[in-house]
Protein backbone atom coordinates (compact mmCIF):
# COMPACT_ATOMS: atom_id res chain seq x y z
CA MET A 1 9.22 7.81 49.09
CA THR A 2 12.60 7.70 47.25
CA SER A 3 15.73 7.32 49.36
CA ASP A 4 16.30 11.25 49.32
CA GLY A 5 12.70 11.46 50.73
CA ARG A 6 11.07 12.69 47.50
CA ASN A 7 7.60 11.57 46.38
CA SER A 8 8.21 9.21 43.20
CA GLN A 9 4.39 9.38 42.05
CA HIS A 10 4.89 12.31 39.82
CA GLY A 11 7.66 10.44 38.10
CA LEU A 12 6.03 7.30 37.61
CA THR A 13 2.93 8.88 36.40
CA ARG A 14 4.89 11.07 33.68
CA ARG A 15 6.88 7.81 32.80
CA SER A 16 3.70 5.74 32.32
CA PHE A 17 1.98 8.45 30.24
CA LEU A 18 4.88 8.64 27.91
CA VAL A 19 4.99 4.86 27.74
CA GLY A 20 1.23 4.61 27.13
CA THR A 21 1.30 7.12 24.55
CA GLY A 22 4.26 5.71 22.67
CA ALA A 23 2.51 2.44 22.73
CA LEU A 24 -0.81 3.98 21.50
CA THR A 25 0.85 5.56 18.66
CA ALA A 26 2.82 2.75 17.62
CA SER A 27 -0.34 0.56 17.52
CA LEU A 28 -2.27 3.21 15.65
CA ALA A 29 0.37 3.43 13.06
CA LEU A 30 0.51 -0.41 12.71
CA TYR A 31 -3.34 -0.38 12.62
CA SER A 32 -3.43 2.44 9.86
CA SER A 33 -0.61 0.64 7.75
CA LEU A 34 -1.52 -2.99 8.08
CA VAL A 35 -5.43 -2.96 8.53
CA ALA A 36 -6.98 0.37 7.84
CA ARG A 37 -5.36 0.84 4.34
CA HIS A 38 -6.82 -2.42 3.07
CA GLU A 39 -10.44 -2.05 4.53
CA ILE A 40 -12.44 -1.84 1.24
CA SER A 41 -15.34 0.48 1.28
CA VAL A 42 -18.14 0.20 -1.43
CA LEU A 43 -19.92 3.22 -1.78
CA SER A 44 -23.32 3.67 -3.83
CA GLN A 45 -24.16 6.73 -5.42
CA HIS A 46 -27.63 7.59 -6.79
CA ILE A 47 -26.98 10.10 -9.75
CA LEU A 48 -29.79 11.79 -11.46
CA ILE A 49 -29.29 13.27 -14.80
CA ASP A 50 -31.69 15.28 -16.71
CA ALA A 51 -33.00 13.78 -19.79
CA LEU A 52 -31.30 10.53 -19.39
CA PRO A 53 -32.12 8.02 -22.27
CA SER A 54 -34.25 5.13 -21.11
CA ALA A 55 -31.78 2.68 -22.02
CA PHE A 56 -29.33 3.86 -19.56
CA VAL A 57 -31.84 4.22 -16.71
CA GLY A 58 -30.45 2.07 -13.97
CA HIS A 59 -27.01 1.61 -15.70
CA ARG A 60 -24.28 0.69 -13.15
CA ILE A 61 -20.94 2.54 -13.46
CA VAL A 62 -18.01 1.46 -11.07
CA GLN A 63 -15.35 4.08 -10.35
CA LEU A 64 -11.94 3.17 -9.16
CA SER A 65 -9.01 5.69 -8.74
CA ASP A 66 -5.69 5.95 -7.51
CA PHE A 67 -4.08 2.67 -7.53
CA HIS A 68 -0.55 3.35 -6.95
CA LEU A 69 1.04 -0.03 -7.63
CA GLU A 70 3.48 -1.17 -6.16
CA GLU A 71 4.50 1.73 -3.84
CA PHE A 72 2.56 0.98 -1.65
CA THR A 73 -0.29 -1.06 -3.17
CA GLU A 74 0.31 -4.65 -3.14
CA PRO A 75 -0.94 -6.78 -6.45
CA PHE A 76 -2.90 -9.06 -3.76
CA PHE A 77 -4.86 -6.01 -2.59
CA LEU A 78 -5.91 -4.98 -5.96
CA GLU A 79 -6.84 -8.53 -6.92
CA ARG A 80 -9.29 -8.18 -3.84
CA VAL A 81 -10.72 -5.21 -5.28
CA VAL A 82 -11.21 -6.65 -8.64
CA GLU A 83 -13.06 -9.50 -6.84
CA HIS A 84 -15.26 -6.96 -5.33
CA VAL A 85 -16.01 -5.15 -8.70
CA ASN A 86 -16.68 -8.41 -10.27
CA ARG A 87 -19.37 -9.06 -7.59
CA LEU A 88 -21.01 -5.56 -8.58
CA GLU A 89 -21.52 -6.76 -11.95
CA PRO A 90 -21.26 -3.10 -13.42
CA ASP A 91 -22.06 -2.06 -17.05
CA VAL A 92 -18.89 0.45 -17.28
CA VAL A 93 -15.88 0.71 -15.19
CA LEU A 94 -14.08 3.92 -15.07
CA LEU A 95 -10.60 4.42 -14.10
CA THR A 96 -9.53 7.68 -12.98
CA GLY A 97 -5.77 7.82 -12.90
CA ASP A 98 -2.52 7.27 -10.98
CA PHE A 99 -1.93 3.79 -11.86
CA ILE A 100 1.75 3.75 -10.60
CA THR A 101 3.74 6.09 -8.32
CA ARG A 102 6.64 8.34 -9.06
CA GLY A 103 8.56 7.61 -5.79
CA SER A 104 11.81 6.49 -4.35
CA LEU A 105 11.17 2.76 -3.86
CA ASN A 106 9.36 2.31 -7.45
CA PHE A 107 11.77 4.10 -9.81
CA LEU A 108 13.65 0.94 -10.96
CA PHE A 109 10.25 -1.11 -11.45
CA GLU A 110 7.82 1.40 -12.99
CA HIS A 111 7.39 -0.38 -16.30
CA HIS A 112 6.62 -3.65 -14.19
CA ALA A 113 4.20 -1.94 -12.00
CA ALA A 114 2.24 -0.32 -14.94
CA THR A 115 2.21 -3.82 -16.67
CA ARG A 116 1.13 -5.69 -13.60
CA CYS A 117 -1.35 -2.96 -12.71
CA ALA A 118 -2.83 -3.13 -16.05
CA GLU A 119 -2.91 -7.00 -16.14
CA ILE A 120 -4.92 -7.21 -12.77
CA LEU A 121 -7.37 -4.49 -14.10
CA ALA A 122 -8.06 -6.51 -17.21
CA THR A 123 -9.59 -9.16 -15.06
CA ILE A 124 -12.64 -7.11 -14.39
CA ARG A 125 -15.57 -8.64 -16.05
CA CYS A 126 -17.18 -5.70 -17.64
CA PRO A 127 -18.34 -4.96 -21.37
CA GLN A 128 -16.94 -1.37 -21.09
CA LYS A 129 -13.80 -0.04 -19.41
CA PHE A 130 -12.19 3.28 -19.89
CA ALA A 131 -9.40 5.16 -18.04
CA VAL A 132 -7.64 8.59 -17.86
CA LEU A 133 -4.10 9.14 -16.52
CA GLY A 134 -2.91 11.09 -13.39
CA ASN A 135 -0.02 12.96 -12.24
CA HIS A 136 1.98 10.18 -11.31
CA ASP A 137 1.46 8.44 -14.47
CA VAL A 138 2.55 11.68 -16.44
CA ALA A 139 5.57 12.18 -14.12
CA VAL A 140 6.93 8.75 -15.00
CA SER A 141 5.89 8.05 -18.53
CA ALA A 142 2.40 8.87 -20.08
CA SER A 143 3.32 6.90 -23.08
CA MET A 144 4.57 3.86 -21.11
CA VAL A 145 1.37 3.59 -18.71
CA THR A 146 -1.03 4.46 -21.84
CA ALA A 147 0.77 1.42 -23.71
CA ALA A 148 0.49 -0.82 -20.61
CA LEU A 149 -3.25 -0.12 -20.27
CA ALA A 150 -3.89 -0.46 -24.05
CA ALA A 151 -2.21 -3.56 -24.40
CA GLN A 152 -4.82 -5.15 -21.96
CA GLY A 153 -7.75 -3.68 -23.85
CA LEU A 154 -8.07 -0.45 -21.38
CA PRO A 155 -8.20 2.56 -23.58
CA VAL A 156 -6.93 5.80 -22.40
CA LEU A 157 -9.13 9.07 -23.19
CA HIS A 158 -6.48 11.47 -23.59
CA ASN A 159 -8.70 14.62 -24.40
CA ARG A 160 -11.23 12.58 -26.29
CA TYR A 161 -14.57 10.80 -25.75
CA GLU A 162 -16.12 7.60 -26.67
CA THR A 163 -19.86 7.09 -27.41
CA LEU A 164 -21.77 4.32 -25.89
CA THR A 165 -24.75 3.10 -27.46
CA LEU A 166 -27.41 0.93 -26.16
CA ARG A 167 -30.92 0.13 -27.88
CA GLY A 168 -30.66 3.28 -29.82
CA ASP A 169 -29.69 5.58 -27.16
CA SER A 170 -26.27 7.26 -26.47
CA LEU A 171 -24.18 8.04 -23.75
CA HIS A 172 -20.61 9.92 -23.75
CA ILE A 173 -17.64 9.00 -21.95
CA ALA A 174 -15.05 11.64 -22.03
CA GLY A 175 -11.57 12.19 -20.65
CA THR A 176 -9.16 14.79 -20.13
CA ALA A 177 -5.25 14.89 -19.91
CA ASP A 178 -4.25 15.48 -16.25
CA PRO A 179 -4.88 19.16 -15.49
CA GLY A 180 -1.83 19.12 -12.99
CA THR A 181 1.10 17.78 -15.34
CA ASP A 182 -0.40 17.97 -18.78
CA ARG A 183 -2.65 20.00 -21.13
CA PRO A 184 -6.38 19.15 -20.67
CA ASP A 185 -8.43 20.20 -23.82
CA LEU A 186 -12.19 20.30 -23.43
CA GLU A 187 -12.74 21.18 -26.92
CA THR A 188 -11.63 17.81 -28.13
CA ALA A 189 -12.53 16.00 -24.96
CA VAL A 190 -16.23 16.96 -24.79
CA PRO A 191 -18.28 16.59 -27.80
CA SER A 192 -19.72 19.69 -29.39
CA ALA A 193 -23.25 18.36 -29.97
CA PRO A 194 -23.72 15.23 -27.82
CA ARG A 195 -26.47 12.91 -28.69
CA GLY A 196 -26.82 12.08 -24.94
CA PRO A 197 -25.56 12.71 -21.51
CA VAL A 198 -21.69 13.68 -21.11
CA LEU A 199 -19.58 12.00 -18.40
CA LEU A 200 -16.19 13.40 -18.13
CA MET A 201 -13.14 11.79 -16.45
CA SER A 202 -10.31 14.12 -15.03
CA HIS A 203 -7.93 13.12 -12.44
CA ALA A 204 -7.67 16.51 -10.42
CA PRO A 205 -11.01 17.40 -8.85
CA ASP A 206 -10.27 20.89 -8.30
CA TYR A 207 -10.23 21.45 -12.18
CA ALA A 208 -14.09 21.37 -11.85
CA ASP A 209 -13.72 25.24 -11.23
CA PHE A 210 -12.15 25.64 -14.83
CA VAL A 211 -14.64 23.18 -16.26
CA ILE A 212 -17.74 24.98 -14.88
CA SER A 213 -16.48 28.20 -16.50
CA HIS A 214 -15.78 26.77 -19.74
CA PRO A 215 -18.27 27.02 -22.80
CA ARG A 216 -18.67 23.36 -22.87
CA ALA A 217 -19.59 23.01 -19.37
CA PRO A 218 -23.65 23.04 -19.79
CA LEU A 219 -22.99 19.91 -21.84
CA ILE A 220 -21.39 17.94 -19.17
CA ASP A 221 -23.61 16.15 -16.72
CA LEU A 222 -21.00 14.25 -14.28
CA MET A 223 -17.43 14.78 -13.78
CA LEU A 224 -15.39 11.83 -11.91
CA SER A 225 -12.19 12.62 -10.14
CA GLY A 226 -9.60 11.12 -7.56
CA HIS A 227 -6.22 12.38 -6.79
CA SER A 228 -7.25 13.67 -3.21
CA HIS A 229 -7.25 10.50 -1.63
CA GLY A 230 -9.86 11.86 0.65
CA GLY A 231 -6.95 13.16 2.49
CA GLN A 232 -5.57 9.73 3.32
CA VAL A 233 -5.08 10.58 7.05
CA ARG A 234 -8.08 12.25 8.57
CA LEU A 235 -8.08 13.21 12.33
CA PRO A 236 -11.29 13.92 14.30
CA VAL A 237 -12.20 17.61 14.10
CA VAL A 238 -8.91 18.33 12.30
CA GLY A 239 -9.79 16.60 9.07
CA PRO A 240 -7.42 15.60 6.49
CA LEU A 241 -3.78 16.20 7.20
CA VAL A 242 -2.22 16.70 3.75
CA LEU A 243 -4.01 17.19 0.32
CA PRO A 244 -2.24 17.86 -2.93
CA PRO A 245 -2.30 20.82 -5.23
CA LEU A 246 -5.63 20.64 -7.27
CA GLY A 247 -7.00 18.23 -4.63
CA ARG A 248 -7.56 20.67 -1.77
CA LYS A 249 -11.07 22.26 -2.55
CA TYR A 250 -13.12 19.24 -3.57
CA VAL A 251 -11.91 16.36 -1.36
CA GLU A 252 -14.25 13.71 -1.31
CA GLY A 253 -18.00 12.86 -2.32
CA LEU A 254 -20.60 14.40 -4.34
CA PHE A 255 -20.74 18.22 -5.49
CA ARG A 256 -23.10 20.15 -7.74
CA PHE A 257 -22.50 23.16 -9.93
CA ASN A 258 -25.80 23.94 -11.70
CA ARG A 259 -26.24 21.12 -14.27
CA MET A 260 -23.10 19.57 -13.74
CA GLN A 261 -22.15 17.22 -10.87
CA LEU A 262 -18.64 16.42 -9.46
CA TYR A 263 -17.73 13.01 -7.74
CA VAL A 264 -14.49 12.58 -5.95
CA ASN A 265 -13.26 9.21 -5.21
CA ARG A 266 -10.94 8.62 -2.32
CA GLY A 267 -9.03 6.30 -4.38
CA LEU A 268 -7.28 2.62 -3.33
CA GLY A 269 -3.66 3.32 -2.76
CA THR A 270 -1.55 5.60 -0.70
CA VAL A 271 1.30 7.99 -1.34
CA GLY A 272 4.09 9.16 1.01
CA ILE A 273 3.51 6.65 3.44
CA PRO A 274 1.49 3.40 3.47
CA ILE A 275 -1.29 4.74 5.99
CA ARG A 276 -4.80 5.33 5.88
CA LEU A 277 -6.66 6.55 8.75
CA ASN A 278 -10.38 7.15 8.86
CA CYS A 279 -10.26 7.32 5.25
CA PRO A 280 -10.69 3.81 3.76
CA PRO A 281 -10.13 2.74 0.25
CA GLU A 282 -12.91 3.24 -2.15
CA ILE A 283 -14.98 1.59 -4.79
CA THR A 284 -17.59 3.69 -5.88
CA LEU A 285 -20.76 2.32 -7.52
CA ILE A 286 -22.91 4.90 -9.37
CA THR A 287 -26.35 3.98 -10.57
CA LEU A 288 -27.75 6.38 -13.27
CA ASP A 289 -31.56 7.62 -13.09
CA ARG A 290 -33.68 10.30 -14.74
CA SER A 291 -34.37 13.50 -12.97
CA ALA A 292 -37.95 13.89 -12.11
């Protein structure tokens, strides 16, 4: 009882609830920022491709996306990612954009961030590495990011393709300009008469709806995208809290459109706030196989 005779139980219960809720929220935010956004998830995907040439059966492809150095991804974290990738011993590494961030904290150091990101990615031990740019790269400077990557032996496929040959067989790696901030051109990105399967890199996954309506769509076997971050913060029942334009329909994982398949990588970094929840950074290991 209080001095005026009122029961204090309700006040104490309400106060305890507010204190407990505040402590839980603070703890969750701390966990999401310091722990969850650094918990690397290696996801294996077995991708079946019609008429895959024998030389490329079992070919191992690592996809990495949305690095966002150094707002908020720290160089030490990207170095840890590279260590994981090197242990996987991939045949090809595909980098699907947003190497840096156009943000309030990074605007004075964007050139340094692009250079540092490229230097770290160059330490991936793999015979073939290719990249496309994302919306943040273009918003800062497409030419600057492209030059930083190229200086480290990381070619950017800007509406063009490269052909891999192995024991007489061919596999085409194609890449478009970012669909949200630039002008993708499938006529130049995708070979008109491919001698083998075509893997298309394009940063924004919802661009797939345009791709599948294009005359070159029947030539594309697999499209690889990032951009969505998988939602970055995913709540039970509610799902992802915020999704970017061109990353709202195909958020994460594997999708199929007749012949073409789409895989959306959750990315490594964060945008807006340095927090991930129920949505860990992703390294994707894709193993190619022939459809039965």
